[in-house]
Amino acid sequence: MDTSTDELDRQDMVQLISGQDRALDSLMDRHADRLFRFLLRTLRNEHEAQEIAHEAFARVYERKGQFKT
């Protein structure tokens, strides 16, 4: 991950915290495919990989208030 991606992630988290829920879509667009591929390689189960990836983003949303800017 390069600095520009880190900055985009930080900006999206700031927007998410401020109530702009669409910022989660932006985070998912950048990271969902890579996360899913990692989980699929690790778990070797497509359904589990999809569930865990979904849960990961749900937790980002649920715990957005804990993010330190």
N, C-alpha and C. Protein backbone atom coordinates (compact mmCIF):
# COMPACT_ATOMS: atom_id res chain seq x y z
N MET A 1 0.85 -1.17 0.00
CA MET A 1 0.00 0.00 0.00
C MET A 1 0.90 1.24 0.00
N ASP A 2 0.63 2.14 -0.89
CA ASP A 2 1.46 3.34 -0.96
C ASP A 2 0.82 4.48 -0.18
N THR A 3 1.56 5.55 -0.08
CA THR A 3 1.11 6.69 0.71
C THR A 3 -0.21 7.25 0.19
N SER A 4 -0.37 7.31 -1.12
CA SER A 4 -1.61 7.87 -1.66
C SER A 4 -2.82 7.01 -1.26
N THR A 5 -2.66 5.70 -1.24
CA THR A 5 -3.75 4.84 -0.79
C THR A 5 -4.02 5.05 0.69
N ASP A 6 -2.96 5.17 1.48
CA ASP A 6 -3.14 5.44 2.91
C ASP A 6 -3.91 6.74 3.12
N GLU A 7 -3.58 7.75 2.35
CA GLU A 7 -4.26 9.04 2.49
C GLU A 7 -5.72 8.93 2.05
N LEU A 8 -5.97 8.22 0.98
CA LEU A 8 -7.36 8.01 0.55
C LEU A 8 -8.16 7.27 1.62
N ASP A 9 -7.55 6.27 2.22
CA ASP A 9 -8.22 5.53 3.28
C ASP A 9 -8.52 6.43 4.47
N ARG A 10 -7.55 7.27 4.84
CA ARG A 10 -7.76 8.19 5.95
C ARG A 10 -8.90 9.15 5.64
N GLN A 11 -8.90 9.70 4.42
CA GLN A 11 -9.97 10.62 4.02
C GLN A 11 -11.34 9.93 4.07
N ASP A 12 -11.37 8.70 3.58
CA ASP A 12 -12.65 7.97 3.61
C ASP A 12 -13.11 7.71 5.04
N MET A 13 -12.20 7.39 5.92
CA MET A 13 -12.57 7.16 7.31
C MET A 13 -13.09 8.44 7.96
N VAL A 14 -12.47 9.56 7.67
CA VAL A 14 -12.93 10.85 8.20
C VAL A 14 -14.35 11.12 7.69
N GLN A 15 -14.59 10.86 6.42
CA GLN A 15 -15.93 11.06 5.86
C GLN A 15 -16.93 10.10 6.49
N LEU A 16 -16.52 8.85 6.67
CA LEU A 16 -17.41 7.86 7.27
C LEU A 16 -17.80 8.26 8.69
N ILE A 17 -16.83 8.72 9.45
CA ILE A 17 -17.08 9.17 10.82
C ILE A 17 -18.06 10.35 10.83
N SER A 18 -17.95 11.22 9.82
CA SER A 18 -18.82 12.39 9.77
C SER A 18 -20.21 12.07 9.23
N GLY A 19 -20.49 10.79 8.97
CA GLY A 19 -21.82 10.40 8.56
C GLY A 19 -22.01 10.16 7.08
N GLN A 20 -20.95 10.26 6.31
CA GLN A 20 -21.04 10.02 4.87
C GLN A 20 -20.80 8.53 4.61
N ASP A 21 -21.86 7.76 4.71
CA ASP A 21 -21.76 6.31 4.63
C ASP A 21 -21.22 5.80 3.29
N ARG A 22 -21.35 6.58 2.24
CA ARG A 22 -20.83 6.18 0.94
C ARG A 22 -19.31 6.04 0.93
N ALA A 23 -18.65 6.62 1.91
CA ALA A 23 -17.19 6.48 2.00
C ALA A 23 -16.80 5.02 2.20
N LEU A 24 -17.68 4.24 2.81
CA LEU A 24 -17.40 2.81 2.97
C LEU A 24 -17.32 2.14 1.60
N ASP A 25 -18.16 2.57 0.67
CA ASP A 25 -18.10 2.02 -0.69
C ASP A 25 -16.73 2.25 -1.31
N SER A 26 -16.19 3.42 -1.09
CA SER A 26 -14.87 3.74 -1.62
C SER A 26 -13.79 2.83 -1.02
N LEU A 27 -13.86 2.63 0.29
CA LEU A 27 -12.92 1.72 0.94
C LEU A 27 -13.06 0.30 0.38
N MET A 28 -14.29 -0.12 0.22
CA MET A 28 -14.53 -1.47 -0.31
C MET A 28 -14.04 -1.59 -1.75
N ASP A 29 -14.24 -0.55 -2.55
CA ASP A 29 -13.75 -0.59 -3.93
C ASP A 29 -12.24 -0.79 -3.99
N ARG A 30 -11.53 -0.18 -3.05
CA ARG A 30 -10.08 -0.28 -3.04
C ARG A 30 -9.57 -1.60 -2.45
N HIS A 31 -10.29 -2.16 -1.50
CA HIS A 31 -9.71 -3.27 -0.73
C HIS A 31 -10.44 -4.61 -0.79
N ALA A 32 -11.68 -4.63 -1.23
CA ALA A 32 -12.48 -5.86 -1.15
C ALA A 32 -11.89 -7.01 -1.98
N ASP A 33 -11.48 -6.72 -3.20
CA ASP A 33 -10.95 -7.80 -4.05
C ASP A 33 -9.69 -8.42 -3.47
N ARG A 34 -8.78 -7.58 -3.02
CA ARG A 34 -7.53 -8.09 -2.46
C ARG A 34 -7.79 -8.87 -1.17
N LEU A 35 -8.68 -8.35 -0.33
CA LEU A 35 -9.02 -9.05 0.90
C LEU A 35 -9.65 -10.40 0.59
N PHE A 36 -10.60 -10.42 -0.35
CA PHE A 36 -11.25 -11.67 -0.72
C PHE A 36 -10.24 -12.69 -1.25
N ARG A 37 -9.36 -12.27 -2.14
CA ARG A 37 -8.35 -13.20 -2.69
C ARG A 37 -7.45 -13.75 -1.59
N PHE A 38 -7.04 -12.90 -0.66
CA PHE A 38 -6.23 -13.37 0.46
C PHE A 38 -6.98 -14.41 1.28
N LEU A 39 -8.23 -14.10 1.61
CA LEU A 39 -9.03 -15.02 2.41
C LEU A 39 -9.28 -16.33 1.66
N LEU A 40 -9.52 -16.25 0.38
CA LEU A 40 -9.76 -17.45 -0.41
C LEU A 40 -8.52 -18.34 -0.43
N ARG A 41 -7.34 -17.74 -0.61
CA ARG A 41 -6.09 -18.52 -0.58
C ARG A 41 -5.89 -19.15 0.79
N THR A 42 -6.21 -18.41 1.83
CA THR A 42 -5.99 -18.89 3.20
C THR A 42 -7.01 -19.96 3.59
N LEU A 43 -8.27 -19.71 3.31
CA LEU A 43 -9.35 -20.59 3.76
C LEU A 43 -9.69 -21.70 2.77
N ARG A 44 -9.44 -21.43 1.50
CA ARG A 44 -9.79 -22.36 0.42
C ARG A 44 -11.28 -22.72 0.43
N ASN A 45 -12.06 -21.71 0.77
CA ASN A 45 -13.51 -21.88 0.80
C ASN A 45 -14.13 -20.54 0.40
N GLU A 46 -14.72 -20.51 -0.78
CA GLU A 46 -15.23 -19.25 -1.33
C GLU A 46 -16.32 -18.63 -0.46
N HIS A 47 -17.24 -19.45 0.02
CA HIS A 47 -18.33 -18.94 0.84
C HIS A 47 -17.80 -18.32 2.14
N GLU A 48 -16.90 -19.00 2.81
CA GLU A 48 -16.32 -18.46 4.05
C GLU A 48 -15.54 -17.19 3.77
N ALA A 49 -14.79 -17.17 2.67
CA ALA A 49 -14.01 -15.98 2.32
C ALA A 49 -14.93 -14.78 2.11
N GLN A 50 -16.05 -15.00 1.42
CA GLN A 50 -17.00 -13.91 1.19
C GLN A 50 -17.61 -13.44 2.51
N GLU A 51 -17.99 -14.36 3.36
CA GLU A 51 -18.60 -13.99 4.65
C GLU A 51 -17.63 -13.20 5.52
N ILE A 52 -16.39 -13.64 5.60
CA ILE A 52 -15.41 -12.96 6.45
C ILE A 52 -15.06 -11.58 5.88
N ALA A 53 -14.95 -11.48 4.57
CA ALA A 53 -14.67 -10.18 3.95
C ALA A 53 -15.83 -9.21 4.25
N HIS A 54 -17.05 -9.70 4.11
CA HIS A 54 -18.22 -8.87 4.41
C HIS A 54 -18.20 -8.44 5.88
N GLU A 55 -17.91 -9.37 6.76
CA GLU A 55 -17.85 -9.07 8.19
C GLU A 55 -16.77 -8.03 8.49
N ALA A 56 -15.65 -8.12 7.81
CA ALA A 56 -14.56 -7.16 8.04
C ALA A 56 -15.03 -5.73 7.74
N PHE A 57 -15.72 -5.55 6.63
CA PHE A 57 -16.20 -4.21 6.30
C PHE A 57 -17.34 -3.78 7.20
N ALA A 58 -18.15 -4.72 7.63
CA ALA A 58 -19.21 -4.38 8.60
C ALA A 58 -18.59 -3.89 9.90
N ARG A 59 -17.50 -4.50 10.31
CA ARG A 59 -16.82 -4.07 11.53
C ARG A 59 -16.19 -2.69 11.37
N VAL A 60 -15.64 -2.42 10.19
CA VAL A 60 -15.11 -1.07 9.94
C VAL A 60 -16.22 -0.06 10.17
N TYR A 61 -17.39 -0.34 9.62
CA TYR A 61 -18.51 0.58 9.76
C TYR A 61 -18.95 0.69 11.22
N GLU A 62 -19.11 -0.44 11.88
CA GLU A 62 -19.59 -0.44 13.26
C GLU A 62 -18.62 0.26 14.21
N ARG A 63 -17.34 0.16 13.93
CA ARG A 63 -16.32 0.71 14.84
C ARG A 63 -15.68 1.99 14.30
N LYS A 64 -16.33 2.62 13.37
CA LYS A 64 -15.77 3.82 12.75
C LYS A 64 -15.41 4.90 13.76
N GLY A 65 -16.15 4.97 14.85
CA GLY A 65 -15.91 5.98 15.87
C GLY A 65 -14.61 5.78 16.64
N GLN A 66 -14.04 4.60 16.54
CA GLN A 66 -12.78 4.30 17.22
C GLN A 66 -11.56 4.69 16.40
N PHE A 67 -11.78 5.08 15.15
CA PHE A 67 -10.68 5.43 14.25
C PHE A 67 -10.04 6.74 14.71
N LYS A 68 -8.73 6.75 14.82
CA LYS A 68 -8.00 7.95 15.21
C LYS A 68 -7.47 8.65 13.96
N THR A 69 -7.86 9.91 13.77
CA THR A 69 -7.41 10.65 12.60
C THR A 69 -6.12 11.38 12.87
